[in-house]
Amino acid sequence: MGETYNEEWERRVSELWDSFDNYSEKQFLAKMEELAAELPADSAVAAFERASSFDSTGHSDLAVPLYRQALELGLNEDRRRQAVIQLASSLRNIGQALESVALLTAEQNAGSDDLDDAVSAFLALALVDTGREREAVSLALTALSRHLTRYQRSLANYAQELIDGPSS
């Protein structure tokens, strides 16, 4: 699923993101709007990139409806997963942590790729906001344990004990 778009447009979007810090908020948003306007009005990719630009400039409230639109219109798998993560983060930022937890929990079960740890990290943040701190720390430690050169099993076991309680 997902629309097609050309490599040259993708390159220009990538270059804009790479130069994010070179622009004022207003300049960056204007440049992204120009790029998005090159795509059809019903473009999921344009909605996603616009949402991301609002999100990255601190406007989670403006990003949420655009992420939802992008997901409804259909994104390729890479952008779809990014959109879910970013939507969930934006929802948490605007006080809707329960919906964020629900989206990210579903995303954990939707498959596995290089964004698994990002899903875990943002889910941990949302869990904290819902008062589930022990579960959040467990999730974060479990994700971290996979990257350690030693102590992976010990850390993973301790992370599980945070949820289950100590084993006898």
Protein backbone atom coordinates (compact mmCIF):
# COMPACT_ATOMS: atom_id res chain seq x y z
CA MET A 1 0.00 0.00 0.00
CA GLY A 2 1.11 3.55 -0.41
CA GLU A 3 1.46 5.99 -3.24
CA THR A 4 4.34 6.45 -5.58
CA TYR A 5 6.41 9.60 -5.70
CA ASN A 6 9.63 10.41 -7.45
CA GLU A 7 13.16 10.06 -6.18
CA GLU A 8 14.00 13.69 -6.90
CA TRP A 9 11.15 14.88 -4.66
CA GLU A 10 12.26 12.44 -1.95
CA ARG A 11 15.81 13.77 -2.23
CA ARG A 12 14.64 17.35 -1.75
CA VAL A 13 12.54 16.37 1.28
CA SER A 14 15.50 14.52 2.75
CA GLU A 15 17.77 17.52 2.15
CA LEU A 16 15.25 19.80 3.86
CA TRP A 17 15.15 17.53 6.91
CA ASP A 18 18.95 17.34 6.93
CA SER A 19 19.12 21.14 7.00
CA PHE A 20 16.37 21.55 9.62
CA ASP A 21 18.62 23.50 12.00
CA ASN A 22 19.51 26.02 9.27
CA TYR A 23 15.98 27.44 9.15
CA SER A 24 13.71 29.32 11.46
CA GLU A 25 10.50 27.51 12.33
CA LYS A 26 8.54 29.70 9.93
CA GLN A 27 11.03 29.16 7.09
CA PHE A 28 11.14 25.40 7.58
CA LEU A 29 7.35 25.07 7.67
CA ALA A 30 7.03 27.22 4.53
CA LYS A 31 9.59 25.11 2.65
CA MET A 32 7.82 21.90 3.66
CA GLU A 33 4.47 23.34 2.58
CA GLU A 34 6.01 24.16 -0.84
CA LEU A 35 7.26 20.60 -1.24
CA ALA A 36 3.99 19.07 -0.06
CA ALA A 37 2.05 21.26 -2.50
CA GLU A 38 3.89 19.56 -5.38
CA LEU A 39 2.04 16.32 -4.62
CA PRO A 40 -1.67 15.68 -5.21
CA ALA A 41 -4.12 17.11 -2.66
CA ASP A 42 -4.98 13.60 -1.44
CA SER A 43 -1.35 12.54 -1.01
CA ALA A 44 -0.67 10.51 2.12
CA VAL A 45 3.04 11.30 1.83
CA ALA A 46 2.37 15.05 1.70
CA ALA A 47 0.12 14.80 4.78
CA PHE A 48 2.79 12.77 6.59
CA GLU A 49 5.61 15.20 5.77
CA ARG A 50 3.47 18.20 6.75
CA ALA A 51 2.54 16.47 10.02
CA SER A 52 6.18 15.69 10.70
CA SER A 53 7.17 19.30 10.09
CA PHE A 54 4.54 20.55 12.54
CA ASP A 55 5.56 17.88 15.04
CA SER A 56 9.25 18.75 14.78
CA THR A 57 8.55 22.42 15.36
CA GLY A 58 6.53 21.80 18.52
CA HIS A 59 3.01 21.84 17.10
CA SER A 60 1.75 18.40 18.09
CA ASP A 61 -1.83 19.66 18.03
CA LEU A 62 -1.52 20.51 14.32
CA ALA A 63 0.36 17.30 13.54
CA VAL A 64 -2.22 14.85 14.94
CA PRO A 65 -4.96 15.37 12.33
CA LEU A 66 -2.41 15.24 9.51
CA TYR A 67 -0.92 11.97 10.79
CA ARG A 68 -4.42 10.51 10.99
CA GLN A 69 -5.11 11.68 7.43
CA ALA A 70 -1.85 10.19 6.15
CA LEU A 71 -2.60 6.85 7.78
CA GLU A 72 -6.15 6.81 6.40
CA LEU A 73 -4.92 7.61 2.88
CA GLY A 74 -2.28 4.85 3.06
CA LEU A 75 1.49 5.00 3.44
CA ASN A 76 4.18 2.52 2.51
CA GLU A 77 5.26 0.38 5.48
CA ASP A 78 8.30 2.48 6.44
CA ARG A 79 6.35 5.72 6.58
CA ARG A 80 3.30 4.01 8.07
CA ARG A 81 5.27 2.84 11.09
CA GLN A 82 6.94 6.23 11.49
CA ALA A 83 3.52 7.88 11.29
CA VAL A 84 2.13 5.63 14.03
CA ILE A 85 5.12 6.32 16.30
CA GLN A 86 4.98 10.05 15.64
CA LEU A 87 1.18 10.20 16.03
CA ALA A 88 1.45 8.39 19.34
CA SER A 89 4.16 10.77 20.52
CA SER A 90 2.10 13.78 19.50
CA LEU A 91 -0.97 12.38 21.24
CA ARG A 92 1.07 11.98 24.43
CA ASN A 93 2.28 15.56 24.07
CA ILE A 94 -1.29 16.85 23.94
CA GLY A 95 -2.43 14.84 26.94
CA GLN A 96 -3.84 11.76 25.23
CA ALA A 97 -1.39 9.22 26.66
CA LEU A 98 -3.94 6.40 26.85
CA GLU A 99 -4.49 6.52 23.09
CA SER A 100 -0.72 6.71 22.64
CA VAL A 101 -0.29 3.53 24.72
CA ALA A 102 -2.99 1.76 22.70
CA LEU A 103 -1.44 2.70 19.34
CA LEU A 104 2.09 1.73 20.36
CA THR A 105 1.02 -1.51 22.03
CA ALA A 106 -0.73 -2.51 18.81
CA GLU A 107 2.35 -1.47 16.85
CA GLN A 108 4.56 -3.72 18.98
CA ASN A 109 2.44 -6.65 17.82
CA ALA A 110 2.27 -5.56 14.18
CA GLY A 111 5.67 -6.82 13.12
CA SER A 112 9.32 -6.18 13.69
CA ASP A 113 11.88 -3.93 12.05
CA ASP A 114 14.59 -1.39 12.83
CA LEU A 115 12.01 0.85 14.55
CA ASP A 116 11.17 -1.67 17.30
CA ASP A 117 13.26 0.16 19.89
CA ALA A 118 11.66 3.47 18.92
CA VAL A 119 8.24 1.93 19.49
CA SER A 120 9.42 0.70 22.89
CA ALA A 121 10.94 4.06 23.84
CA PHE A 122 7.85 6.07 22.98
CA LEU A 123 5.62 3.47 24.61
CA ALA A 124 7.71 3.77 27.78
CA LEU A 125 7.17 7.53 27.79
CA ALA A 126 3.42 7.10 27.33
CA LEU A 127 3.30 4.46 30.07
CA VAL A 128 4.93 6.90 32.49
CA ASP A 129 2.26 9.47 31.65
CA THR A 130 -0.44 6.91 32.47
CA GLY A 131 1.09 6.04 35.85
CA ARG A 132 2.60 2.73 34.75
CA GLU A 133 6.21 3.59 35.61
CA ARG A 134 7.42 0.08 36.51
CA GLU A 135 6.16 -1.25 33.21
CA ALA A 136 7.82 1.67 31.42
CA VAL A 137 11.20 1.01 33.04
CA SER A 138 10.87 -2.70 32.29
CA LEU A 139 10.14 -1.99 28.65
CA ALA A 140 13.05 0.43 28.35
CA LEU A 141 15.49 -1.95 30.05
CA THR A 142 14.36 -4.84 27.86
CA ALA A 143 15.00 -2.76 24.74
CA LEU A 144 18.37 -1.64 26.09
CA SER A 145 19.41 -5.18 27.05
CA ARG A 146 19.49 -6.22 23.38
CA HIS A 147 22.28 -3.71 22.73
CA LEU A 148 24.61 -4.63 25.58
CA THR A 149 27.76 -6.65 24.97
CA ARG A 150 27.38 -8.28 28.39
CA TYR A 151 24.64 -8.82 30.95
CA GLN A 152 21.84 -9.10 28.39
CA ARG A 153 20.14 -12.03 30.14
CA SER A 154 20.52 -10.55 33.63
CA LEU A 155 19.12 -7.18 32.61
CA ALA A 156 16.23 -8.77 30.71
CA ASN A 157 15.40 -10.90 33.75
CA TYR A 158 15.51 -7.90 36.09
CA ALA A 159 13.31 -5.98 33.69
CA GLN A 160 10.75 -8.80 33.78
CA GLU A 161 10.90 -8.87 37.58
CA LEU A 162 9.80 -5.22 37.63
CA ILE A 163 6.48 -6.37 36.23
CA ASP A 164 6.13 -9.87 37.72
CA GLY A 165 7.80 -9.27 41.06
CA PRO A 166 10.92 -11.11 42.30
CA SER A 167 11.07 -14.83 41.71
CA SER A 168 11.27 -17.04 44.78
